[in-house]
């Protein structure tokens, strides 16, 4: 399965079956988590697969808690990153790679940023004082039926809806929408960004195409980050967008690199984050 197909297939799963994950899959996933340390801005990140399958662990999960949002999950992917500039983007980028890996293994996942107890999960993975635990994901086989809470979350977040191209992608400046039929050769990578997950489905990314370069900007939802202190959910979302764009672009043979070089163009109310500098 191609990376682009995996991105299209990924969806949030909040209800899990009782079927255990095969040991070979657990080993493969653990190795991937251990090796997934390269980030665009150089943050040091470590991931663990937290296991709550024993009787003792299953009862302890009530302490870390996911506030009733997740049903039946026995494994969780959790990560830690130091608090430094662009660490949230790095975390989102690398964590989404974990999500896509699990999807390719036919396992369900779900980004959790605000609906879990950080102290409980942080204690479980031995979080150091200088580390942050921005988000986690359950992982396992999807249950046959969505729970009522699952359905409510999808409805409230508009999980089955995405913003249109003219709201997200622009040509030359933030005031000129990029037409999908004139976005070549980046149409598929941009579409992979458009369908990506984001906190409360806000889709805060805005991308301005300038020739072969693409400038990634963030439009913040007022007050959205205030609750979580140093953990900036919408910066994590930008990392997810970067992950989808880069992986799909490279699969299509579109070379380039991430650079922080503010293009000083009209960006409106957005905040410049990073540029993809294309190369032949």
C-alpha atoms as a PDB file:
ATOM      1  CA  UNK A   1       0.000   0.000   0.000  1.00  0.00           C
ATOM      2  CA  UNK A   2       1.369   3.426  -0.926  1.00  0.00           C
ATOM      3  CA  UNK A   3       1.825   6.197   1.618  1.00  0.00           C
ATOM      4  CA  UNK A   4      -0.839   8.291  -0.117  1.00  0.00           C
ATOM      5  CA  UNK A   5      -3.312   5.396   0.136  1.00  0.00           C
ATOM      6  CA  UNK A   6      -2.469   4.987   3.835  1.00  0.00           C
ATOM      7  CA  UNK A   7      -3.081   8.701   4.448  1.00  0.00           C
ATOM      8  CA  UNK A   8      -6.445   8.417   2.724  1.00  0.00           C
ATOM      9  CA  UNK A   9      -7.347   5.292   4.698  1.00  0.00           C
ATOM     10  CA  UNK A  10      -6.467   6.680   8.152  1.00  0.00           C
ATOM     11  CA  UNK A  11      -9.429   7.548  10.350  1.00  0.00           C
ATOM     12  CA  UNK A  12      -9.979   8.028  14.068  1.00  0.00           C
ATOM     13  CA  UNK A  13     -10.969   4.903  15.993  1.00  0.00           C
ATOM     14  CA  UNK A  14     -12.319   5.315  19.535  1.00  0.00           C
ATOM     15  CA  UNK A  15     -13.841   1.842  20.018  1.00  0.00           C
ATOM     16  CA  UNK A  16     -11.567  -1.227  20.033  1.00  0.00           C
ATOM     17  CA  UNK A  17     -12.200  -4.958  19.887  1.00  0.00           C
ATOM     18  CA  UNK A  18     -11.008  -7.485  22.474  1.00  0.00           C
ATOM     19  CA  UNK A  19      -8.772  -9.167  19.893  1.00  0.00           C
ATOM     20  CA  UNK A  20      -5.152  -9.101  21.013  1.00  0.00           C
ATOM     21  CA  UNK A  21      -2.440  -7.687  18.763  1.00  0.00           C
ATOM     22  CA  UNK A  22      -0.172 -10.395  17.328  1.00  0.00           C
ATOM     23  CA  UNK A  23       3.293 -10.473  18.904  1.00  0.00           C
ATOM     24  CA  UNK A  24       5.062  -9.960  15.575  1.00  0.00           C
ATOM     25  CA  UNK A  25       3.031  -6.795  15.001  1.00  0.00           C
ATOM     26  CA  UNK A  26       3.839  -5.544  18.488  1.00  0.00           C
ATOM     27  CA  UNK A  27       7.549  -6.138  17.876  1.00  0.00           C
ATOM     28  CA  UNK A  28       7.385  -4.381  14.495  1.00  0.00           C
ATOM     29  CA  UNK A  29       5.563  -1.389  15.960  1.00  0.00           C
ATOM     30  CA  UNK A  30       7.925  -1.108  18.945  1.00  0.00           C
ATOM     31  CA  UNK A  31      10.943  -1.126  16.619  1.00  0.00           C
ATOM     32  CA  UNK A  32       9.384   1.588  14.464  1.00  0.00           C
ATOM     33  CA  UNK A  33       8.703   3.753  17.540  1.00  0.00           C
ATOM     34  CA  UNK A  34      12.257   3.320  18.768  1.00  0.00           C
ATOM     35  CA  UNK A  35      13.716   4.291  15.375  1.00  0.00           C
ATOM     36  CA  UNK A  36      11.364   7.234  14.756  1.00  0.00           C
ATOM     37  CA  UNK A  37      13.575  10.011  16.104  1.00  0.00           C
ATOM     38  CA  UNK A  38      14.387  12.211  13.082  1.00  0.00           C
ATOM     39  CA  UNK A  39      12.415  15.463  13.165  1.00  0.00           C
ATOM     40  CA  UNK A  40      12.433  18.517  10.865  1.00  0.00           C
ATOM     41  CA  UNK A  41      13.608  20.968  13.543  1.00  0.00           C
ATOM     42  CA  UNK A  42      15.890  18.611  15.475  1.00  0.00           C
ATOM     43  CA  UNK A  43      13.903  18.075  18.682  1.00  0.00           C
ATOM     44  CA  UNK A  44      14.783  14.975  20.701  1.00  0.00           C
ATOM     45  CA  UNK A  45      11.722  12.750  20.849  1.00  0.00           C
ATOM     46  CA  UNK A  46      11.171   9.317  22.311  1.00  0.00           C
ATOM     47  CA  UNK A  47       8.133   7.090  21.897  1.00  0.00           C
ATOM     48  CA  UNK A  48       6.880   4.089  23.839  1.00  0.00           C
ATOM     49  CA  UNK A  49       4.140   1.539  23.390  1.00  0.00           C
ATOM     50  CA  UNK A  50       2.394   1.441  26.768  1.00  0.00           C
ATOM     51  CA  UNK A  51       0.897  -1.942  27.593  1.00  0.00           C
ATOM     52  CA  UNK A  52      -2.232  -2.266  29.769  1.00  0.00           C
ATOM     53  CA  UNK A  53      -3.067  -5.876  28.876  1.00  0.00           C
ATOM     54  CA  UNK A  54      -2.534  -7.560  32.252  1.00  0.00           C
ATOM     55  CA  UNK A  55      -5.264  -7.587  34.860  1.00  0.00           C
ATOM     56  CA  UNK A  56      -3.327  -5.150  37.055  1.00  0.00           C
ATOM     57  CA  UNK A  57      -2.537  -2.800  34.186  1.00  0.00           C
ATOM     58  CA  UNK A  58      -6.114  -2.919  32.915  1.00  0.00           C
ATOM     59  CA  UNK A  59      -7.336  -1.624  36.261  1.00  0.00           C
ATOM     60  CA  UNK A  60      -4.586   0.978  36.446  1.00  0.00           C
ATOM     61  CA  UNK A  61      -5.681   2.508  33.144  1.00  0.00           C
ATOM     62  CA  UNK A  62      -8.592   4.061  35.029  1.00  0.00           C
ATOM     63  CA  UNK A  63      -6.029   6.273  36.790  1.00  0.00           C
ATOM     64  CA  UNK A  64      -4.348   7.644  33.633  1.00  0.00           C
ATOM     65  CA  UNK A  65      -7.759   7.741  32.034  1.00  0.00           C
ATOM     66  CA  UNK A  66      -9.112   8.856  28.695  1.00  0.00           C
ATOM     67  CA  UNK A  67     -12.297  10.277  30.237  1.00  0.00           C
ATOM     68  CA  UNK A  68     -14.551   7.690  28.640  1.00  0.00           C
ATOM     69  CA  UNK A  69     -13.581   8.771  25.121  1.00  0.00           C
ATOM     70  CA  UNK A  70     -11.770   5.509  24.284  1.00  0.00           C
ATOM     71  CA  UNK A  71     -13.358   2.086  24.726  1.00  0.00           C
ATOM     72  CA  UNK A  72     -11.521  -1.245  24.846  1.00  0.00           C
ATOM     73  CA  UNK A  73      -7.955  -0.119  24.035  1.00  0.00           C
ATOM     74  CA  UNK A  74      -5.154  -2.005  25.806  1.00  0.00           C
ATOM     75  CA  UNK A  75      -2.164  -0.348  24.116  1.00  0.00           C
ATOM     76  CA  UNK A  76      -1.255   3.324  23.758  1.00  0.00           C
ATOM     77  CA  UNK A  77       1.476   5.100  21.816  1.00  0.00           C
ATOM     78  CA  UNK A  78       2.910   7.898  23.939  1.00  0.00           C
ATOM     79  CA  UNK A  79       5.860  10.191  23.407  1.00  0.00           C
ATOM     80  CA  UNK A  80       8.021  12.731  25.188  1.00  0.00           C
ATOM     81  CA  UNK A  81       9.784  15.796  23.812  1.00  0.00           C
ATOM     82  CA  UNK A  82      11.842  18.576  25.348  1.00  0.00           C
ATOM     83  CA  UNK A  83      10.321  22.040  25.610  1.00  0.00           C
ATOM     84  CA  UNK A  84      12.086  24.055  22.892  1.00  0.00           C
ATOM     85  CA  UNK A  85      11.150  26.141  19.828  1.00  0.00           C
ATOM     86  CA  UNK A  86       9.314  24.114  17.164  1.00  0.00           C
ATOM     87  CA  UNK A  87       9.139  21.030  19.430  1.00  0.00           C
ATOM     88  CA  UNK A  88       5.370  20.807  18.971  1.00  0.00           C
ATOM     89  CA  UNK A  89       5.718  20.747  15.176  1.00  0.00           C
ATOM     90  CA  UNK A  90       8.388  18.055  15.515  1.00  0.00           C
ATOM     91  CA  UNK A  91       6.163  15.997  17.783  1.00  0.00           C
ATOM     92  CA  UNK A  92       3.198  16.226  15.426  1.00  0.00           C
ATOM     93  CA  UNK A  93       5.386  15.250  12.471  1.00  0.00           C
ATOM     94  CA  UNK A  94       6.872  12.182  14.171  1.00  0.00           C
ATOM     95  CA  UNK A  95       3.700  11.078  15.964  1.00  0.00           C
ATOM     96  CA  UNK A  96       1.768  11.131  12.692  1.00  0.00           C
ATOM     97  CA  UNK A  97       4.402   8.816  11.239  1.00  0.00           C
ATOM     98  CA  UNK A  98       3.539   6.416  14.079  1.00  0.00           C
ATOM     99  CA  UNK A  99      -0.155   6.753  13.271  1.00  0.00           C
ATOM    100  CA  UNK A 100       0.420   6.014   9.588  1.00  0.00           C
ATOM    101  CA  UNK A 101       2.627   3.025  10.430  1.00  0.00           C
ATOM    102  CA  UNK A 102      -0.125   1.556  12.607  1.00  0.00           C
ATOM    103  CA  UNK A 103      -2.673   2.231   9.856  1.00  0.00           C
ATOM    104  CA  UNK A 104      -0.489   0.362   7.367  1.00  0.00           C
ATOM    105  CA  UNK A 105      -0.476  -2.548   9.851  1.00  0.00           C
ATOM    106  CA  UNK A 106      -4.311  -2.493   9.805  1.00  0.00           C
ATOM    107  CA  UNK A 107      -4.506  -1.180  13.364  1.00  0.00           C
ATOM    108  CA  UNK A 108      -6.820   1.585  14.536  1.00  0.00           C
ATOM    109  CA  UNK A 109      -5.582   4.791  16.170  1.00  0.00           C
ATOM    110  CA  UNK A 110      -6.912   8.103  17.439  1.00  0.00           C
ATOM    111  CA  UNK A 111      -5.069  11.335  18.236  1.00  0.00           C
ATOM    112  CA  UNK A 112      -5.732  12.391  21.849  1.00  0.00           C
ATOM    113  CA  UNK A 113      -4.500  15.807  22.915  1.00  0.00           C
ATOM    114  CA  UNK A 114      -6.932  17.117  25.480  1.00  0.00           C
ATOM    115  CA  UNK A 115      -8.976  14.090  26.540  1.00  0.00           C
ATOM    116  CA  UNK A 116      -6.460  12.124  28.584  1.00  0.00           C
ATOM    117  CA  UNK A 117      -4.776  12.464  31.958  1.00  0.00           C
ATOM    118  CA  UNK A 118      -1.196  13.534  31.210  1.00  0.00           C
ATOM    119  CA  UNK A 119       0.146  12.917  34.700  1.00  0.00           C
ATOM    120  CA  UNK A 120      -0.962   9.273  34.692  1.00  0.00           C
ATOM    121  CA  UNK A 121       0.440   8.490  31.270  1.00  0.00           C
ATOM    122  CA  UNK A 122       3.554  10.548  31.988  1.00  0.00           C
ATOM    123  CA  UNK A 123       4.240   8.525  35.117  1.00  0.00           C
ATOM    124  CA  UNK A 124       3.751   5.303  33.173  1.00  0.00           C
ATOM    125  CA  UNK A 125       6.434   6.257  30.649  1.00  0.00           C
ATOM    126  CA  UNK A 126       8.808   7.872  33.132  1.00  0.00           C
ATOM    127  CA  UNK A 127       8.431  11.453  31.940  1.00  0.00           C
ATOM    128  CA  UNK A 128      11.419  13.607  32.959  1.00  0.00           C
ATOM    129  CA  UNK A 129      10.939  17.074  34.449  1.00  0.00           C
ATOM    130  CA  UNK A 130      12.131  18.810  31.274  1.00  0.00           C
ATOM    131  CA  UNK A 131       9.922  16.708  28.982  1.00  0.00           C
ATOM    132  CA  UNK A 132       6.396  17.292  27.706  1.00  0.00           C
ATOM    133  CA  UNK A 133       3.847  14.665  26.715  1.00  0.00           C
ATOM    134  CA  UNK A 134       1.839  16.501  24.042  1.00  0.00           C
ATOM    135  CA  UNK A 135      -0.470  13.751  22.752  1.00  0.00           C
ATOM    136  CA  UNK A 136      -1.068  10.004  22.760  1.00  0.00           C
ATOM    137  CA  UNK A 137      -2.956   7.462  20.676  1.00  0.00           C
ATOM    138  CA  UNK A 138      -4.632   4.172  21.500  1.00  0.00           C
ATOM    139  CA  UNK A 139      -3.723   1.406  19.087  1.00  0.00           C
ATOM    140  CA  UNK A 140      -5.490  -1.871  18.382  1.00  0.00           C
ATOM    141  CA  UNK A 141      -8.038  -3.591  16.189  1.00  0.00           C
ATOM    142  CA  UNK A 142     -11.134  -1.532  15.514  1.00  0.00           C
ATOM    143  CA  UNK A 143     -14.377  -2.584  17.172  1.00  0.00           C
ATOM    144  CA  UNK A 144     -17.333  -3.525  15.002  1.00  0.00           C
ATOM    145  CA  UNK A 145     -19.563  -0.702  16.228  1.00  0.00           C
ATOM    146  CA  UNK A 146     -18.836   2.878  17.245  1.00  0.00           C
ATOM    147  CA  UNK A 147     -19.853   3.826  20.758  1.00  0.00           C
ATOM    148  CA  UNK A 148     -22.323   6.652  21.366  1.00  0.00           C
ATOM    149  CA  UNK A 149     -19.459   8.828  22.655  1.00  0.00           C
ATOM    150  CA  UNK A 150     -17.467   8.059  19.511  1.00  0.00           C
ATOM    151  CA  UNK A 151     -20.378   9.159  17.325  1.00  0.00           C
ATOM    152  CA  UNK A 152     -20.854  12.331  19.369  1.00  0.00           C
ATOM    153  CA  UNK A 153     -17.165  13.240  19.080  1.00  0.00           C
ATOM    154  CA  UNK A 154     -17.206  12.762  15.324  1.00  0.00           C
ATOM    155  CA  UNK A 155     -20.345  14.873  15.043  1.00  0.00           C
ATOM    156  CA  UNK A 156     -19.136  17.707  17.292  1.00  0.00           C
ATOM    157  CA  UNK A 157     -15.717  17.874  15.628  1.00  0.00           C
ATOM    158  CA  UNK A 158     -17.109  17.588  12.111  1.00  0.00           C
ATOM    159  CA  UNK A 159     -14.712  14.693  11.568  1.00  0.00           C
ATOM    160  CA  UNK A 160     -16.247  13.723   8.250  1.00  0.00           C
ATOM    161  CA  UNK A 161     -15.934  17.261   6.850  1.00  0.00           C
ATOM    162  CA  UNK A 162     -12.906  19.124   5.588  1.00  0.00           C
ATOM    163  CA  UNK A 163     -12.369  22.700   4.459  1.00  0.00           C
ATOM    164  CA  UNK A 164     -12.272  23.297   0.722  1.00  0.00           C
ATOM    165  CA  UNK A 165      -9.135  24.061  -1.283  1.00  0.00           C
ATOM    166  CA  UNK A 166      -9.855  27.782  -1.593  1.00  0.00           C
ATOM    167  CA  UNK A 167      -9.940  28.093   2.202  1.00  0.00           C
ATOM    168  CA  UNK A 168      -6.565  26.420   2.766  1.00  0.00           C
ATOM    169  CA  UNK A 169      -4.238  26.895  -0.212  1.00  0.00           C
ATOM    170  CA  UNK A 170      -3.137  30.103  -1.907  1.00  0.00           C
ATOM    171  CA  UNK A 171      -0.961  31.379  -4.763  1.00  0.00           C
ATOM    172  CA  UNK A 172       1.527  34.170  -4.191  1.00  0.00           C
ATOM    173  CA  UNK A 173      -0.316  35.697  -1.224  1.00  0.00           C
ATOM    174  CA  UNK A 174      -3.008  34.825   1.283  1.00  0.00           C
ATOM    175  CA  UNK A 175      -5.664  36.670  -0.706  1.00  0.00           C
ATOM    176  CA  UNK A 176      -5.418  34.602  -3.906  1.00  0.00           C
ATOM    177  CA  UNK A 177      -6.859  31.064  -3.667  1.00  0.00           C
ATOM    178  CA  UNK A 178      -4.850  28.337  -5.393  1.00  0.00           C
ATOM    179  CA  UNK A 179      -6.937  26.525  -7.975  1.00  0.00           C
ATOM    180  CA  UNK A 180      -6.683  22.768  -7.660  1.00  0.00           C
ATOM    181  CA  UNK A 181      -6.210  22.276 -11.387  1.00  0.00           C
ATOM    182  CA  UNK A 182      -3.234  24.674 -11.395  1.00  0.00           C
ATOM    183  CA  UNK A 183      -1.450  23.244  -8.359  1.00  0.00           C
ATOM    184  CA  UNK A 184       0.682  20.713 -10.274  1.00  0.00           C
ATOM    185  CA  UNK A 185       2.927  18.978  -9.311  1.00  0.00           C
ATOM    186  CA  UNK A 186       1.751  19.393  -5.708  1.00  0.00           C
ATOM    187  CA  UNK A 187      -1.946  18.566  -6.074  1.00  0.00           C
ATOM    188  CA  UNK A 188      -1.739  15.170  -4.346  1.00  0.00           C
ATOM    189  CA  UNK A 189       0.546  16.289  -1.473  1.00  0.00           C
ATOM    190  CA  UNK A 190      -1.724  19.270  -0.799  1.00  0.00           C
ATOM    191  CA  UNK A 191      -4.781  17.029  -0.852  1.00  0.00           C
ATOM    192  CA  UNK A 192      -3.014  14.774   1.681  1.00  0.00           C
ATOM    193  CA  UNK A 193      -2.613  17.847   3.892  1.00  0.00           C
ATOM    194  CA  UNK A 194      -6.261  18.827   3.432  1.00  0.00           C
ATOM    195  CA  UNK A 195      -7.589  15.456   4.639  1.00  0.00           C
ATOM    196  CA  UNK A 196      -5.213  15.243   7.607  1.00  0.00           C
ATOM    197  CA  UNK A 197      -6.355  15.112  11.243  1.00  0.00           C
ATOM    198  CA  UNK A 198      -6.262  18.195  13.464  1.00  0.00           C
ATOM    199  CA  UNK A 199      -7.435  19.136  16.944  1.00  0.00           C
ATOM    200  CA  UNK A 200     -11.221  19.626  16.866  1.00  0.00           C
ATOM    201  CA  UNK A 201     -10.886  19.450  13.069  1.00  0.00           C
ATOM    202  CA  UNK A 202      -9.884  23.129  12.983  1.00  0.00           C
ATOM    203  CA  UNK A 203      -7.434  22.595  10.081  1.00  0.00           C
ATOM    204  CA  UNK A 204      -5.287  25.594  11.099  1.00  0.00           C
ATOM    205  CA  UNK A 205      -2.776  25.228   8.252  1.00  0.00           C
ATOM    206  CA  UNK A 206      -2.641  27.711   5.389  1.00  0.00           C
ATOM    207  CA  UNK A 207      -0.197  27.107   2.542  1.00  0.00           C
ATOM    208  CA  UNK A 208       0.996  29.712   0.039  1.00  0.00           C
ATOM    209  CA  UNK A 209       2.524  28.367  -3.169  1.00  0.00           C
ATOM    210  CA  UNK A 210       5.264  30.457  -4.718  1.00  0.00           C
ATOM    211  CA  UNK A 211       6.644  28.695  -7.770  1.00  0.00           C
ATOM    212  CA  UNK A 212       8.198  25.442  -6.545  1.00  0.00           C
ATOM    213  CA  UNK A 213       8.194  26.583  -2.919  1.00  0.00           C
ATOM    214  CA  UNK A 214       5.364  26.251  -0.424  1.00  0.00           C
ATOM    215  CA  UNK A 215       5.105  28.378   2.701  1.00  0.00           C
ATOM    216  CA  UNK A 216       3.296  26.787   5.652  1.00  0.00           C
ATOM    217  CA  UNK A 217       1.458  29.234   7.892  1.00  0.00           C
ATOM    218  CA  UNK A 218      -0.757  28.815  10.950  1.00  0.00           C
ATOM    219  CA  UNK A 219      -4.025  30.575  11.634  1.00  0.00           C
ATOM    220  CA  UNK A 220      -4.722  30.248  15.338  1.00  0.00           C
ATOM    221  CA  UNK A 221      -8.111  29.760  16.944  1.00  0.00           C
ATOM    222  CA  UNK A 222      -8.286  32.468  19.675  1.00  0.00           C
ATOM    223  CA  UNK A 223      -7.843  30.990  23.159  1.00  0.00           C
ATOM    224  CA  UNK A 224      -7.479  27.447  21.876  1.00  0.00           C
ATOM    225  CA  UNK A 225      -3.985  26.859  23.271  1.00  0.00           C
ATOM    226  CA  UNK A 226      -4.493  28.604  26.603  1.00  0.00           C
ATOM    227  CA  UNK A 227      -5.635  25.485  28.467  1.00  0.00           C
ATOM    228  CA  UNK A 228      -2.531  23.369  27.858  1.00  0.00           C
ATOM    229  CA  UNK A 229       0.334  25.725  28.715  1.00  0.00           C
ATOM    230  CA  UNK A 230       3.484  24.868  26.791  1.00  0.00           C
ATOM    231  CA  UNK A 231       1.645  22.238  24.742  1.00  0.00           C
ATOM    232  CA  UNK A 232       0.355  24.005  21.635  1.00  0.00           C
ATOM    233  CA  UNK A 233      -2.191  21.800  19.894  1.00  0.00           C
ATOM    234  CA  UNK A 234      -2.336  23.772  16.686  1.00  0.00           C
ATOM    235  CA  UNK A 235       1.443  23.712  16.308  1.00  0.00           C
ATOM    236  CA  UNK A 236       1.190  19.937  16.613  1.00  0.00           C
ATOM    237  CA  UNK A 237      -1.355  20.111  13.780  1.00  0.00           C
ATOM    238  CA  UNK A 238       1.228  21.922  11.649  1.00  0.00           C
ATOM    239  CA  UNK A 239       3.632  19.026  12.206  1.00  0.00           C
ATOM    240  CA  UNK A 240       0.944  16.609  11.011  1.00  0.00           C
ATOM    241  CA  UNK A 241       0.475  18.707   7.865  1.00  0.00           C
ATOM    242  CA  UNK A 242       4.244  18.714   7.269  1.00  0.00           C
ATOM    243  CA  UNK A 243       4.356  14.939   7.662  1.00  0.00           C
ATOM    244  CA  UNK A 244       1.549  14.335   5.151  1.00  0.00           C
ATOM    245  CA  UNK A 245       3.046  16.755   2.656  1.00  0.00           C
ATOM    246  CA  UNK A 246       6.614  15.468   2.837  1.00  0.00           C
ATOM    247  CA  UNK A 247       5.818  11.755   2.759  1.00  0.00           C
ATOM    248  CA  UNK A 248       3.442  12.081  -0.190  1.00  0.00           C
ATOM    249  CA  UNK A 249       5.764  14.463  -2.080  1.00  0.00           C
ATOM    250  CA  UNK A 250       8.735  12.145  -1.703  1.00  0.00           C
ATOM    251  CA  UNK A 251       6.634   9.167  -2.803  1.00  0.00           C
ATOM    252  CA  UNK A 252       5.863  11.094  -6.002  1.00  0.00           C
ATOM    253  CA  UNK A 253       9.536  11.899  -6.553  1.00  0.00           C
ATOM    254  CA  UNK A 254       9.170  15.584  -5.643  1.00  0.00           C
ATOM    255  CA  UNK A 255      12.392  16.572  -3.933  1.00  0.00           C
ATOM    256  CA  UNK A 256      12.731  19.369  -1.433  1.00  0.00           C
ATOM    257  CA  UNK A 257      13.685  20.332   2.109  1.00  0.00           C
ATOM    258  CA  UNK A 258      12.220  22.213   5.049  1.00  0.00           C
ATOM    259  CA  UNK A 259      13.688  25.652   5.681  1.00  0.00           C
ATOM    260  CA  UNK A 260      12.709  28.470   8.020  1.00  0.00           C
ATOM    261  CA  UNK A 261      12.998  31.538   5.818  1.00  0.00           C
ATOM    262  CA  UNK A 262      10.080  33.929   6.097  1.00  0.00           C
ATOM    263  CA  UNK A 263       9.116  34.862   2.520  1.00  0.00           C
ATOM    264  CA  UNK A 264       7.894  38.316   3.697  1.00  0.00           C
ATOM    265  CA  UNK A 265       4.788  38.078   1.563  1.00  0.00           C
ATOM    266  CA  UNK A 266       1.188  38.954   2.366  1.00  0.00           C
ATOM    267  CA  UNK A 267       0.113  36.361   4.933  1.00  0.00           C
ATOM    268  CA  UNK A 268      -2.809  38.179   6.574  1.00  0.00           C
ATOM    269  CA  UNK A 269      -3.568  37.022  10.112  1.00  0.00           C
ATOM    270  CA  UNK A 270      -1.511  33.856   9.754  1.00  0.00           C
ATOM    271  CA  UNK A 271       1.764  33.021  11.524  1.00  0.00           C
ATOM    272  CA  UNK A 272       4.629  31.816   9.339  1.00  0.00           C
ATOM    273  CA  UNK A 273       6.017  28.429  10.404  1.00  0.00           C
ATOM    274  CA  UNK A 274       8.246  26.878   7.697  1.00  0.00           C
ATOM    275  CA  UNK A 275       8.765  26.561   3.948  1.00  0.00           C
ATOM    276  CA  UNK A 276       9.137  23.551   1.684  1.00  0.00           C
ATOM    277  CA  UNK A 277      11.848  24.556  -0.791  1.00  0.00           C
ATOM    278  CA  UNK A 278      11.403  22.421  -3.874  1.00  0.00           C
ATOM    279  CA  UNK A 279      14.316  21.186  -5.971  1.00  0.00           C
ATOM    280  CA  UNK A 280      14.561  19.485  -9.323  1.00  0.00           C
END
